[in-house]
Amino acid sequence: MLKPAILFQTFTFVLLSALPVTAQGYATDKGSIRIGGSGNFSSSKSEGAENRTTILDLRPDVQYFVAPGLALGGELSLTRSSNGDASNTLVGIGPIASYYFGGAERTQPFVSARLGVSQATFGGDDLTQTSMRGAAGLLMLLSSSVGVSSELFYSYTRVEFAGTGDSNSNNFGLALGIAAFLF
């Protein structure tokens, strides 16, 4: 099986090499490219649990605007989680679609949807994680081509452990990000 990082690099290369040469008027105009990502951190402890669960999630992405405001692309997900002495790292890849409202405005609300598949080995067992994530947020352009974003997200995750069953989880959170636009 191909590693997720190789798939993401291949997808990015194909996307960038197939772009038409056009003049765009603003960051989220048709033909622009968004290179960026988001990250979030969480730490929780359940009542009666001995250890705290800590999660760091980074999601770099590349998107191409196929129409004004509408971007399609791919995302790499890097998730590190730990609980007591146990920890694991998940690496995944998946498609992303975003829509930005506001055209040439410096502040633009947006919505996005993402799918992802990740794989890892945890405690000697192979696991596969499939996730769906929806978000609504706000992009604030600091210049004509660089912006910061904040988004509220909901994700549904299904984890399948080889030979030992599976589990499902729901997660709500806040993610912060940065983006550069090529146009």
N, C-alpha and C. Protein backbone atom coordinates (compact mmCIF):
# COMPACT_ATOMS: atom_id res chain seq x y z
N MET A 1 0.84 -1.19 0.00
CA MET A 1 0.00 0.00 0.00
C MET A 1 0.88 1.24 0.00
N LEU A 2 0.49 2.25 -0.77
CA LEU A 2 1.23 3.50 -0.82
C LEU A 2 1.06 4.28 0.47
N LYS A 3 2.11 4.93 0.87
CA LYS A 3 2.05 5.76 2.08
C LYS A 3 1.23 7.01 1.79
N PRO A 4 0.47 7.50 2.79
CA PRO A 4 -0.36 8.69 2.60
C PRO A 4 0.44 9.92 2.15
N ALA A 5 1.65 10.10 2.63
CA ALA A 5 2.45 11.27 2.24
C ALA A 5 2.78 11.23 0.75
N ILE A 6 3.07 10.05 0.22
CA ILE A 6 3.37 9.92 -1.21
C ILE A 6 2.11 10.21 -2.03
N LEU A 7 0.96 9.73 -1.58
CA LEU A 7 -0.30 10.01 -2.27
C LEU A 7 -0.60 11.50 -2.29
N PHE A 8 -0.38 12.18 -1.16
CA PHE A 8 -0.63 13.62 -1.07
C PHE A 8 0.30 14.38 -2.01
N GLN A 9 1.58 14.02 -2.05
CA GLN A 9 2.54 14.68 -2.93
C GLN A 9 2.17 14.47 -4.40
N THR A 10 1.78 13.26 -4.74
CA THR A 10 1.38 12.96 -6.11
C THR A 10 0.14 13.76 -6.49
N PHE A 11 -0.86 13.80 -5.60
CA PHE A 11 -2.08 14.56 -5.85
C PHE A 11 -1.77 16.04 -6.05
N THR A 12 -0.90 16.59 -5.20
CA THR A 12 -0.53 18.01 -5.30
C THR A 12 0.18 18.29 -6.61
N PHE A 13 1.11 17.43 -7.01
CA PHE A 13 1.83 17.61 -8.26
C PHE A 13 0.88 17.60 -9.46
N VAL A 14 -0.03 16.63 -9.49
CA VAL A 14 -0.99 16.54 -10.60
C VAL A 14 -1.89 17.77 -10.62
N LEU A 15 -2.37 18.20 -9.47
CA LEU A 15 -3.24 19.37 -9.39
C LEU A 15 -2.52 20.61 -9.90
N LEU A 16 -1.30 20.84 -9.44
CA LEU A 16 -0.57 22.05 -9.83
C LEU A 16 -0.12 22.02 -11.28
N SER A 17 0.20 20.85 -11.81
CA SER A 17 0.66 20.78 -13.20
C SER A 17 -0.48 20.91 -14.20
N ALA A 18 -1.71 20.71 -13.76
CA ALA A 18 -2.85 20.77 -14.67
C ALA A 18 -3.56 22.12 -14.65
N LEU A 19 -3.03 23.10 -13.94
CA LEU A 19 -3.70 24.38 -13.80
C LEU A 19 -3.59 25.22 -15.07
N PRO A 20 -4.68 25.84 -15.49
CA PRO A 20 -4.60 26.75 -16.62
C PRO A 20 -3.97 28.08 -16.19
N VAL A 21 -3.39 28.78 -17.15
CA VAL A 21 -2.80 30.07 -16.85
C VAL A 21 -3.87 31.13 -17.11
N THR A 22 -4.39 31.71 -16.02
CA THR A 22 -5.41 32.74 -16.12
C THR A 22 -5.12 33.84 -15.12
N ALA A 23 -5.72 34.97 -15.32
CA ALA A 23 -5.52 36.08 -14.39
C ALA A 23 -6.69 36.11 -13.40
N GLN A 24 -6.37 36.10 -12.12
CA GLN A 24 -7.38 36.14 -11.09
C GLN A 24 -7.37 37.54 -10.47
N GLY A 25 -8.54 37.99 -10.05
CA GLY A 25 -8.64 39.33 -9.49
C GLY A 25 -8.48 39.39 -7.99
N TYR A 26 -8.68 38.28 -7.28
CA TYR A 26 -8.61 38.27 -5.81
C TYR A 26 -8.32 36.84 -5.35
N ALA A 27 -8.05 36.69 -4.07
CA ALA A 27 -7.56 35.43 -3.50
C ALA A 27 -8.47 34.23 -3.77
N THR A 28 -9.78 34.39 -3.70
CA THR A 28 -10.68 33.25 -3.84
C THR A 28 -11.38 33.23 -5.20
N ASP A 29 -10.75 33.84 -6.20
CA ASP A 29 -11.29 33.87 -7.56
C ASP A 29 -10.95 32.56 -8.29
N LYS A 30 -11.69 32.27 -9.34
CA LYS A 30 -11.45 31.08 -10.15
C LYS A 30 -10.00 31.07 -10.65
N GLY A 31 -9.34 29.92 -10.51
CA GLY A 31 -7.96 29.76 -10.95
C GLY A 31 -6.93 29.98 -9.86
N SER A 32 -7.33 30.51 -8.70
CA SER A 32 -6.40 30.71 -7.59
C SER A 32 -6.09 29.38 -6.91
N ILE A 33 -4.97 29.36 -6.21
CA ILE A 33 -4.56 28.19 -5.44
C ILE A 33 -4.44 28.61 -3.99
N ARG A 34 -4.97 27.79 -3.10
CA ARG A 34 -4.85 28.02 -1.66
C ARG A 34 -3.93 26.96 -1.09
N ILE A 35 -2.86 27.39 -0.42
CA ILE A 35 -1.95 26.48 0.26
C ILE A 35 -1.99 26.87 1.73
N GLY A 36 -2.36 25.94 2.57
CA GLY A 36 -2.49 26.29 3.98
C GLY A 36 -2.77 25.10 4.83
N GLY A 37 -3.53 25.33 5.87
CA GLY A 37 -3.89 24.25 6.77
C GLY A 37 -4.38 24.78 8.09
N SER A 38 -4.74 23.85 8.94
CA SER A 38 -5.23 24.21 10.26
C SER A 38 -4.69 23.21 11.27
N GLY A 39 -4.85 23.56 12.53
CA GLY A 39 -4.41 22.67 13.59
C GLY A 39 -5.26 22.88 14.83
N ASN A 40 -5.35 21.84 15.63
CA ASN A 40 -6.05 21.97 16.90
C ASN A 40 -5.41 21.07 17.94
N PHE A 41 -5.63 21.43 19.19
CA PHE A 41 -5.07 20.72 20.33
C PHE A 41 -6.19 20.49 21.32
N SER A 42 -6.23 19.30 21.89
CA SER A 42 -7.20 19.05 22.95
C SER A 42 -6.58 18.19 24.04
N SER A 43 -7.08 18.38 25.22
CA SER A 43 -6.64 17.60 26.37
C SER A 43 -7.86 17.36 27.24
N SER A 44 -8.12 16.11 27.58
CA SER A 44 -9.31 15.80 28.37
C SER A 44 -9.04 14.65 29.34
N LYS A 45 -9.82 14.64 30.38
CA LYS A 45 -9.74 13.55 31.35
C LYS A 45 -11.16 13.19 31.75
N SER A 46 -11.50 11.93 31.59
CA SER A 46 -12.83 11.46 31.95
C SER A 46 -12.92 11.22 33.44
N GLU A 47 -14.13 11.36 33.96
CA GLU A 47 -14.36 11.12 35.38
C GLU A 47 -14.00 9.68 35.70
N GLY A 48 -13.19 9.49 36.70
CA GLY A 48 -12.78 8.15 37.10
C GLY A 48 -11.59 7.60 36.34
N ALA A 49 -11.17 8.28 35.27
CA ALA A 49 -10.02 7.83 34.48
C ALA A 49 -8.73 8.21 35.19
N GLU A 50 -7.74 7.36 35.04
CA GLU A 50 -6.45 7.61 35.68
C GLU A 50 -5.61 8.61 34.89
N ASN A 51 -5.67 8.54 33.56
CA ASN A 51 -4.81 9.35 32.72
C ASN A 51 -5.58 10.35 31.88
N ARG A 52 -4.90 11.39 31.47
CA ARG A 52 -5.42 12.43 30.60
C ARG A 52 -5.14 12.03 29.14
N THR A 53 -6.08 12.29 28.23
CA THR A 53 -5.88 12.05 26.80
C THR A 53 -5.55 13.38 26.14
N THR A 54 -4.45 13.40 25.40
CA THR A 54 -3.99 14.60 24.73
C THR A 54 -3.90 14.33 23.23
N ILE A 55 -4.42 15.27 22.42
CA ILE A 55 -4.42 15.09 20.96
C ILE A 55 -3.93 16.37 20.29
N LEU A 56 -2.98 16.22 19.37
CA LEU A 56 -2.51 17.30 18.51
C LEU A 56 -2.82 16.89 17.08
N ASP A 57 -3.56 17.74 16.37
CA ASP A 57 -4.02 17.42 15.01
C ASP A 57 -3.60 18.54 14.06
N LEU A 58 -2.78 18.22 13.06
CA LEU A 58 -2.35 19.18 12.04
C LEU A 58 -2.88 18.73 10.69
N ARG A 59 -3.38 19.67 9.87
CA ARG A 59 -4.02 19.34 8.60
C ARG A 59 -3.59 20.30 7.49
N PRO A 60 -2.40 20.09 6.90
CA PRO A 60 -2.02 20.91 5.75
C PRO A 60 -2.86 20.51 4.53
N ASP A 61 -3.15 21.50 3.66
CA ASP A 61 -3.94 21.20 2.46
C ASP A 61 -3.56 22.09 1.30
N VAL A 62 -3.95 21.64 0.11
CA VAL A 62 -3.81 22.41 -1.13
C VAL A 62 -5.17 22.36 -1.82
N GLN A 63 -5.67 23.55 -2.24
CA GLN A 63 -6.96 23.62 -2.91
C GLN A 63 -6.86 24.52 -4.14
N TYR A 64 -7.62 24.16 -5.16
CA TYR A 64 -7.68 24.93 -6.40
C TYR A 64 -9.11 25.47 -6.56
N PHE A 65 -9.25 26.75 -6.87
CA PHE A 65 -10.57 27.36 -7.02
C PHE A 65 -11.09 27.09 -8.44
N VAL A 66 -12.07 26.20 -8.52
CA VAL A 66 -12.66 25.83 -9.81
C VAL A 66 -13.72 26.83 -10.26
N ALA A 67 -14.19 27.65 -9.36
CA ALA A 67 -15.15 28.73 -9.62
C ALA A 67 -14.91 29.78 -8.54
N PRO A 68 -15.37 31.01 -8.74
CA PRO A 68 -15.19 32.01 -7.69
C PRO A 68 -15.77 31.52 -6.35
N GLY A 69 -14.90 31.41 -5.34
CA GLY A 69 -15.32 30.98 -4.01
C GLY A 69 -15.30 29.49 -3.77
N LEU A 70 -15.34 28.65 -4.82
CA LEU A 70 -15.42 27.19 -4.67
C LEU A 70 -14.05 26.55 -4.92
N ALA A 71 -13.51 25.92 -3.88
CA ALA A 71 -12.19 25.30 -3.96
C ALA A 71 -12.28 23.80 -3.70
N LEU A 72 -11.53 23.03 -4.49
CA LEU A 72 -11.44 21.58 -4.32
C LEU A 72 -9.97 21.22 -4.19
N GLY A 73 -9.68 20.22 -3.39
CA GLY A 73 -8.27 19.84 -3.23
C GLY A 73 -8.09 18.63 -2.35
N GLY A 74 -6.92 18.55 -1.77
CA GLY A 74 -6.56 17.42 -0.92
C GLY A 74 -5.95 17.88 0.39
N GLU A 75 -6.05 17.02 1.38
CA GLU A 75 -5.57 17.34 2.72
C GLU A 75 -4.77 16.17 3.27
N LEU A 76 -3.69 16.48 3.95
CA LEU A 76 -2.91 15.50 4.67
C LEU A 76 -3.24 15.69 6.15
N SER A 77 -3.52 14.62 6.87
CA SER A 77 -3.81 14.77 8.31
C SER A 77 -2.73 14.06 9.11
N LEU A 78 -2.25 14.76 10.12
CA LEU A 78 -1.24 14.22 11.03
C LEU A 78 -1.79 14.37 12.44
N THR A 79 -2.07 13.24 13.09
CA THR A 79 -2.69 13.27 14.42
C THR A 79 -1.83 12.47 15.39
N ARG A 80 -1.46 13.12 16.48
CA ARG A 80 -0.68 12.48 17.54
C ARG A 80 -1.55 12.46 18.79
N SER A 81 -1.76 11.28 19.35
CA SER A 81 -2.56 11.19 20.57
C SER A 81 -1.79 10.38 21.62
N SER A 82 -2.04 10.73 22.88
CA SER A 82 -1.39 10.00 23.97
C SER A 82 -2.35 9.89 25.16
N ASN A 83 -2.18 8.81 25.88
CA ASN A 83 -2.96 8.56 27.08
C ASN A 83 -2.06 7.75 28.01
N GLY A 84 -1.55 8.39 29.06
CA GLY A 84 -0.62 7.71 29.95
C GLY A 84 0.66 7.36 29.21
N ASP A 85 1.06 6.09 29.26
CA ASP A 85 2.27 5.64 28.58
C ASP A 85 2.02 5.26 27.12
N ALA A 86 0.78 5.19 26.71
CA ALA A 86 0.44 4.78 25.33
C ALA A 86 0.30 6.01 24.44
N SER A 87 0.81 5.91 23.22
CA SER A 87 0.65 6.99 22.24
C SER A 87 0.66 6.40 20.85
N ASN A 88 0.11 7.15 19.91
CA ASN A 88 0.15 6.73 18.51
C ASN A 88 0.12 7.95 17.60
N THR A 89 0.53 7.73 16.37
CA THR A 89 0.51 8.77 15.35
C THR A 89 -0.25 8.24 14.15
N LEU A 90 -1.25 8.98 13.70
CA LEU A 90 -2.02 8.62 12.52
C LEU A 90 -1.64 9.56 11.38
N VAL A 91 -1.42 9.01 10.21
CA VAL A 91 -1.15 9.80 9.02
C VAL A 91 -2.21 9.43 8.01
N GLY A 92 -2.89 10.44 7.45
CA GLY A 92 -3.97 10.17 6.51
C GLY A 92 -4.02 11.16 5.38
N ILE A 93 -4.91 10.88 4.46
CA ILE A 93 -5.09 11.72 3.28
C ILE A 93 -6.56 11.68 2.88
N GLY A 94 -7.02 12.76 2.25
CA GLY A 94 -8.39 12.77 1.79
C GLY A 94 -8.74 14.04 1.04
N PRO A 95 -9.88 14.04 0.37
CA PRO A 95 -10.32 15.22 -0.38
C PRO A 95 -10.94 16.28 0.53
N ILE A 96 -10.93 17.52 0.06
CA ILE A 96 -11.54 18.63 0.79
C ILE A 96 -12.23 19.54 -0.22
N ALA A 97 -13.38 20.07 0.17
CA ALA A 97 -14.10 21.05 -0.65
C ALA A 97 -14.47 22.22 0.27
N SER A 98 -14.26 23.44 -0.23
CA SER A 98 -14.56 24.63 0.56
C SER A 98 -15.30 25.64 -0.29
N TYR A 99 -16.15 26.42 0.35
CA TYR A 99 -16.81 27.53 -0.34
C TYR A 99 -16.66 28.78 0.52
N TYR A 100 -16.11 29.84 -0.10
CA TYR A 100 -15.88 31.12 0.56
C TYR A 100 -16.92 32.12 0.07
N PHE A 101 -17.58 32.80 1.01
CA PHE A 101 -18.56 33.82 0.70
C PHE A 101 -17.88 35.18 0.83
N GLY A 102 -18.04 36.05 -0.13
CA GLY A 102 -17.49 37.39 0.06
C GLY A 102 -16.64 37.91 -1.08
N GLY A 103 -16.30 37.08 -2.05
CA GLY A 103 -15.54 37.55 -3.21
C GLY A 103 -14.24 38.24 -2.84
N ALA A 104 -14.13 39.51 -3.15
CA ALA A 104 -12.89 40.26 -2.94
C ALA A 104 -12.79 40.88 -1.55
N GLU A 105 -13.74 40.62 -0.67
CA GLU A 105 -13.71 41.19 0.68
C GLU A 105 -12.53 40.64 1.49
N ARG A 106 -12.04 41.41 2.45
CA ARG A 106 -10.91 40.98 3.28
C ARG A 106 -11.33 39.99 4.37
N THR A 107 -12.60 39.98 4.74
CA THR A 107 -13.13 39.01 5.70
C THR A 107 -14.19 38.19 4.99
N GLN A 108 -14.00 36.86 4.99
CA GLN A 108 -14.90 35.98 4.26
C GLN A 108 -15.33 34.79 5.11
N PRO A 109 -16.62 34.62 5.32
CA PRO A 109 -17.10 33.39 5.95
C PRO A 109 -16.91 32.23 4.96
N PHE A 110 -16.76 31.02 5.49
CA PHE A 110 -16.62 29.86 4.61
C PHE A 110 -17.19 28.61 5.28
N VAL A 111 -17.44 27.61 4.45
CA VAL A 111 -17.82 26.28 4.91
C VAL A 111 -16.91 25.29 4.20
N SER A 112 -16.64 24.16 4.84
CA SER A 112 -15.81 23.14 4.21
C SER A 112 -16.26 21.75 4.65
N ALA A 113 -15.96 20.78 3.80
CA ALA A 113 -16.24 19.38 4.09
C ALA A 113 -15.01 18.57 3.72
N ARG A 114 -14.68 17.60 4.56
CA ARG A 114 -13.48 16.80 4.36
C ARG A 114 -13.78 15.33 4.65
N LEU A 115 -13.12 14.47 3.92
CA LEU A 115 -13.15 13.04 4.19
C LEU A 115 -11.70 12.61 4.37
N GLY A 116 -11.45 11.62 5.19
CA GLY A 116 -10.08 11.18 5.38
C GLY A 116 -9.99 9.73 5.79
N VAL A 117 -8.88 9.11 5.38
CA VAL A 117 -8.56 7.76 5.78
C VAL A 117 -7.14 7.77 6.33
N SER A 118 -6.97 7.24 7.54
CA SER A 118 -5.66 7.20 8.20
C SER A 118 -5.36 5.77 8.62
N GLN A 119 -4.07 5.46 8.72
CA GLN A 119 -3.66 4.15 9.20
C GLN A 119 -2.52 4.29 10.19
N ALA A 120 -2.46 3.36 11.13
CA ALA A 120 -1.39 3.36 12.13
C ALA A 120 -1.34 2.00 12.80
N THR A 121 -0.30 1.80 13.60
CA THR A 121 -0.18 0.63 14.45
C THR A 121 -0.23 1.12 15.88
N PHE A 122 -1.09 0.53 16.67
CA PHE A 122 -1.27 0.96 18.06
C PHE A 122 -1.25 -0.27 18.95
N GLY A 123 -0.28 -0.36 19.84
CA GLY A 123 -0.19 -1.50 20.75
C GLY A 123 -0.02 -2.81 20.02
N GLY A 124 0.66 -2.80 18.88
CA GLY A 124 0.86 -4.00 18.09
C GLY A 124 -0.29 -4.33 17.15
N ASP A 125 -1.41 -3.59 17.22
CA ASP A 125 -2.55 -3.83 16.34
C ASP A 125 -2.60 -2.78 15.25
N ASP A 126 -2.91 -3.20 14.03
CA ASP A 126 -3.13 -2.24 12.95
C ASP A 126 -4.51 -1.64 13.09
N LEU A 127 -4.60 -0.34 12.80
CA LEU A 127 -5.91 0.29 12.84
C LEU A 127 -6.09 1.18 11.62
N THR A 128 -7.34 1.30 11.20
CA THR A 128 -7.72 2.18 10.10
C THR A 128 -8.77 3.13 10.63
N GLN A 129 -8.56 4.41 10.39
CA GLN A 129 -9.50 5.44 10.85
C GLN A 129 -10.11 6.13 9.64
N THR A 130 -11.42 6.18 9.60
CA THR A 130 -12.14 6.89 8.55
C THR A 130 -12.89 8.03 9.22
N SER A 131 -12.76 9.24 8.64
CA SER A 131 -13.41 10.38 9.28
C SER A 131 -14.09 11.28 8.26
N MET A 132 -15.16 11.92 8.73
CA MET A 132 -15.87 12.95 7.96
C MET A 132 -15.88 14.19 8.85
N ARG A 133 -15.59 15.33 8.23
CA ARG A 133 -15.50 16.56 9.02
C ARG A 133 -16.16 17.70 8.27
N GLY A 134 -17.03 18.42 8.94
CA GLY A 134 -17.66 19.61 8.38
C GLY A 134 -17.28 20.80 9.25
N ALA A 135 -17.10 21.96 8.61
CA ALA A 135 -16.67 23.14 9.36
C ALA A 135 -17.30 24.40 8.79
N ALA A 136 -17.45 25.38 9.65
CA ALA A 136 -17.86 26.73 9.26
C ALA A 136 -16.91 27.68 9.95
N GLY A 137 -16.42 28.67 9.19
CA GLY A 137 -15.43 29.54 9.78
C GLY A 137 -15.35 30.90 9.14
N LEU A 138 -14.27 31.59 9.47
CA LEU A 138 -14.05 32.94 8.99
C LEU A 138 -12.59 33.08 8.57
N LEU A 139 -12.38 33.52 7.33
CA LEU A 139 -11.05 33.82 6.81
C LEU A 139 -10.85 35.32 6.88
N MET A 140 -9.73 35.75 7.48
CA MET A 140 -9.40 37.17 7.54
C MET A 140 -8.09 37.37 6.78
N LEU A 141 -8.17 38.06 5.64
CA LEU A 141 -6.99 38.30 4.83
C LEU A 141 -6.14 39.40 5.47
N LEU A 142 -4.89 39.08 5.74
CA LEU A 142 -3.96 40.06 6.31
C LEU A 142 -3.34 40.92 5.21
N SER A 143 -3.24 40.34 4.01
CA SER A 143 -2.80 41.04 2.81
C SER A 143 -3.64 40.46 1.67
N SER A 144 -3.35 40.82 0.45
CA SER A 144 -4.15 40.30 -0.66
C SER A 144 -3.96 38.79 -0.85
N SER A 145 -2.86 38.22 -0.31
CA SER A 145 -2.60 36.80 -0.57
C SER A 145 -2.29 35.96 0.67
N VAL A 146 -2.40 36.51 1.87
CA VAL A 146 -2.14 35.74 3.09
C VAL A 146 -3.29 35.99 4.07
N GLY A 147 -3.78 34.91 4.66
CA GLY A 147 -4.88 35.06 5.61
C GLY A 147 -4.78 34.09 6.77
N VAL A 148 -5.51 34.40 7.82
CA VAL A 148 -5.66 33.50 8.97
C VAL A 148 -7.13 33.11 9.06
N SER A 149 -7.37 31.93 9.59
CA SER A 149 -8.76 31.47 9.68
C SER A 149 -9.02 30.83 11.03
N SER A 150 -10.28 30.86 11.39
CA SER A 150 -10.75 30.13 12.56
C SER A 150 -12.00 29.40 12.11
N GLU A 151 -12.17 28.18 12.62
CA GLU A 151 -13.34 27.40 12.21
C GLU A 151 -13.85 26.55 13.36
N LEU A 152 -15.16 26.45 13.43
CA LEU A 152 -15.82 25.52 14.32
C LEU A 152 -16.07 24.26 13.50
N PHE A 153 -15.74 23.09 14.04
CA PHE A 153 -15.90 21.87 13.27
C PHE A 153 -16.62 20.79 14.04
N TYR A 154 -17.18 19.88 13.29
CA TYR A 154 -17.77 18.65 13.81
C TYR A 154 -17.15 17.51 13.01
N SER A 155 -16.71 16.47 13.69
CA SER A 155 -16.18 15.32 12.96
C SER A 155 -16.77 14.03 13.53
N TYR A 156 -16.98 13.11 12.63
CA TYR A 156 -17.41 11.76 12.97
C TYR A 156 -16.26 10.83 12.56
N THR A 157 -15.84 9.99 13.48
CA THR A 157 -14.69 9.12 13.22
C THR A 157 -15.04 7.68 13.55
N ARG A 158 -14.63 6.80 12.66
CA ARG A 158 -14.79 5.36 12.88
C ARG A 158 -13.40 4.75 12.84
N VAL A 159 -13.04 4.05 13.91
CA VAL A 159 -11.74 3.40 14.00
C VAL A 159 -11.96 1.89 13.99
N GLU A 160 -11.28 1.21 13.07
CA GLU A 160 -11.38 -0.25 12.97
C GLU A 160 -10.04 -0.85 13.37
N PHE A 161 -10.07 -1.67 14.40
CA PHE A 161 -8.87 -2.37 14.86
C PHE A 161 -8.85 -3.75 14.23
N ALA A 162 -7.73 -4.14 13.65
CA ALA A 162 -7.60 -5.44 12.99
C ALA A 162 -7.87 -6.56 14.00
N GLY A 163 -8.95 -7.29 13.79
CA GLY A 163 -9.26 -8.45 14.60
C GLY A 163 -9.88 -8.19 15.96
N THR A 164 -10.00 -6.93 16.39
CA THR A 164 -10.52 -6.70 17.74
C THR A 164 -11.76 -5.82 17.77
N GLY A 165 -12.33 -5.46 16.63
CA GLY A 165 -13.56 -4.66 16.64
C GLY A 165 -13.31 -3.23 16.18
N ASP A 166 -14.29 -2.39 16.49
CA ASP A 166 -14.19 -1.00 16.05
C ASP A 166 -14.85 -0.08 17.06
N SER A 167 -14.66 1.22 16.86
CA SER A 167 -15.29 2.21 17.73
C SER A 167 -15.64 3.44 16.90
N ASN A 168 -16.64 4.18 17.36
CA ASN A 168 -17.07 5.41 16.69
C ASN A 168 -16.99 6.56 17.69
N SER A 169 -16.72 7.76 17.16
CA SER A 169 -16.69 8.92 18.05
C SER A 169 -17.17 10.16 17.31
N ASN A 170 -17.69 11.12 18.07
CA ASN A 170 -18.10 12.42 17.57
C ASN A 170 -17.25 13.46 18.27
N ASN A 171 -16.87 14.50 17.55
CA ASN A 171 -16.00 15.52 18.14
C ASN A 171 -16.41 16.90 17.63
N PHE A 172 -16.53 17.85 18.53
CA PHE A 172 -16.75 19.25 18.19
C PHE A 172 -15.51 20.01 18.62
N GLY A 173 -15.13 21.04 17.86
CA GLY A 173 -13.95 21.78 18.28
C GLY A 173 -13.75 23.07 17.51
N LEU A 174 -12.65 23.73 17.82
CA LEU A 174 -12.22 24.96 17.20
C LEU A 174 -10.83 24.73 16.63
N ALA A 175 -10.62 25.09 15.38
CA ALA A 175 -9.31 24.96 14.74
C ALA A 175 -8.89 26.33 14.21
N LEU A 176 -7.60 26.60 14.29
CA LEU A 176 -7.03 27.83 13.77
C LEU A 176 -6.11 27.49 12.62
N GLY A 177 -6.04 28.37 11.61
CA GLY A 177 -5.22 28.05 10.46
C GLY A 177 -4.62 29.29 9.80
N ILE A 178 -3.78 29.02 8.81
CA ILE A 178 -3.16 30.07 8.01
C ILE A 178 -3.18 29.60 6.57
N ALA A 179 -3.28 30.55 5.64
CA ALA A 179 -3.33 30.19 4.22
C ALA A 179 -2.61 31.23 3.38
N ALA A 180 -1.99 30.75 2.30
CA ALA A 180 -1.41 31.63 1.30
C ALA A 180 -2.14 31.35 -0.01
N PHE A 181 -2.45 32.39 -0.74
CA PHE A 181 -3.18 32.28 -2.00
C PHE A 181 -2.27 32.68 -3.14
N LEU A 182 -2.20 31.84 -4.17
CA LEU A 182 -1.44 32.15 -5.37
C LEU A 182 -2.44 32.51 -6.47
N PHE A 183 -2.36 33.74 -6.97
CA PHE A 183 -3.27 34.17 -8.03
C PHE A 183 -2.64 35.21 -8.89
